[in-house]
Amino acid sequence: DIVTDIRIFMYIQRYESGKWKTVYNDNQMFTDQFTATMKRTCTDSSAIIKGYDYQVRFTVYAYRGTTYQQSTGTSPIVR
C-alpha cells in the first residue's frame, strides 16, 4: 500500500528542575510524498539558555488513507 501523507511533530525540550520542559514545538504535513524532511530554526532567544541540557523529541505519522502508523523518537542530549 502507498503512504498518502506524512505529519511530523517536533519538540525542543530543556531539562530543568528534574524534568523535560518543551520550549519550542512545531509540526508539518507532507502530502503525496514517500519521504519527508522537516528543518526548523528556533529564533526565540528565551527558549535556548546556555548551561542546560536539550533534546529534540519527535513523532511521525505515516497515513494511508484514514489509517496510520506512528513512530516516536528522541535525539541525543546536547548542552
Protein backbone atom coordinates (compact mmCIF):
# COMPACT_ATOMS: atom_id res chain seq x y z
CA ASP A 1 0.00 0.00 0.00
CA ILE A 2 1.01 3.60 -0.58
CA VAL A 3 1.67 6.28 2.06
CA THR A 4 -0.57 9.24 1.20
CA ASP A 5 0.52 11.77 3.85
CA ILE A 6 3.24 12.25 6.48
CA ARG A 7 2.89 14.52 9.51
CA ILE A 8 5.87 15.33 11.74
CA PHE A 9 5.56 16.83 15.23
CA MET A 10 8.80 18.23 16.71
CA TYR A 11 9.51 19.44 20.26
CA ILE A 12 12.69 21.09 21.58
CA GLN A 13 12.94 20.28 25.29
CA ARG A 14 15.14 21.66 28.08
CA TYR A 15 15.94 19.67 31.21
CA GLU A 16 15.28 21.76 34.30
CA SER A 17 14.03 21.11 37.82
CA GLY A 18 14.23 17.35 37.25
CA LYS A 19 12.02 17.18 34.16
CA TRP A 20 11.93 17.88 30.43
CA LYS A 21 10.15 21.14 29.57
CA THR A 22 9.04 21.85 25.98
CA VAL A 23 10.41 25.27 24.96
CA TYR A 24 9.56 25.14 21.24
CA ASN A 25 7.28 22.99 19.10
CA ASP A 26 6.15 22.82 15.52
CA ASN A 27 4.61 20.40 13.05
CA GLN A 28 4.40 19.99 9.31
CA MET A 29 2.26 17.94 6.92
CA PHE A 30 3.68 16.45 3.74
CA THR A 31 1.15 15.32 1.12
CA ASP A 32 1.70 12.71 -1.58
CA GLN A 33 5.29 12.01 -0.52
CA PHE A 34 7.11 8.83 0.46
CA THR A 35 9.83 10.70 2.36
CA ALA A 36 9.83 13.94 4.35
CA THR A 37 12.43 16.19 5.94
CA MET A 38 11.48 18.85 8.46
CA LYS A 39 14.01 21.61 9.17
CA ARG A 40 13.36 24.35 11.71
CA THR A 41 15.35 27.15 13.34
CA CYS A 42 14.30 28.29 16.79
CA THR A 43 14.67 32.09 16.75
CA ASP A 44 13.19 32.62 20.22
CA SER A 45 16.27 33.64 22.24
CA SER A 46 14.45 32.96 25.53
CA ALA A 47 13.86 29.31 24.56
CA ILE A 48 17.55 28.32 24.42
CA ILE A 49 19.57 29.15 27.52
CA LYS A 50 23.24 28.33 27.95
CA GLY A 51 24.17 25.70 30.52
CA TYR A 52 21.12 23.42 30.17
CA ASP A 53 20.68 20.04 28.54
CA TYR A 54 18.42 19.90 25.45
CA GLN A 55 16.85 17.20 23.34
CA VAL A 56 14.52 17.04 20.36
CA ARG A 57 11.52 14.73 20.61
CA PHE A 58 9.56 13.87 17.51
CA THR A 59 6.54 11.90 16.44
CA VAL A 60 5.96 10.91 12.82
CA TYR A 61 2.61 9.74 11.47
CA ALA A 62 2.54 7.95 8.12
CA TYR A 63 -1.01 7.89 6.74
CA ARG A 64 -2.51 5.52 4.24
CA GLY A 65 -5.98 6.90 3.71
CA THR A 66 -7.59 7.05 7.16
CA THR A 67 -5.20 4.58 8.83
CA TYR A 68 -1.72 5.47 10.06
CA GLN A 69 1.43 4.20 11.68
CA GLN A 70 3.19 6.21 14.37
CA SER A 71 6.89 6.41 15.21
CA THR A 72 8.35 8.38 18.12
CA GLY A 73 11.96 9.16 18.96
CA THR A 74 14.37 11.39 20.84
CA SER A 75 17.64 12.95 19.73
CA PRO A 76 20.85 12.63 21.72
CA ILE A 77 21.07 15.12 24.60
CA VAL A 78 23.17 18.23 23.90
CA ARG A 79 24.32 21.06 26.20
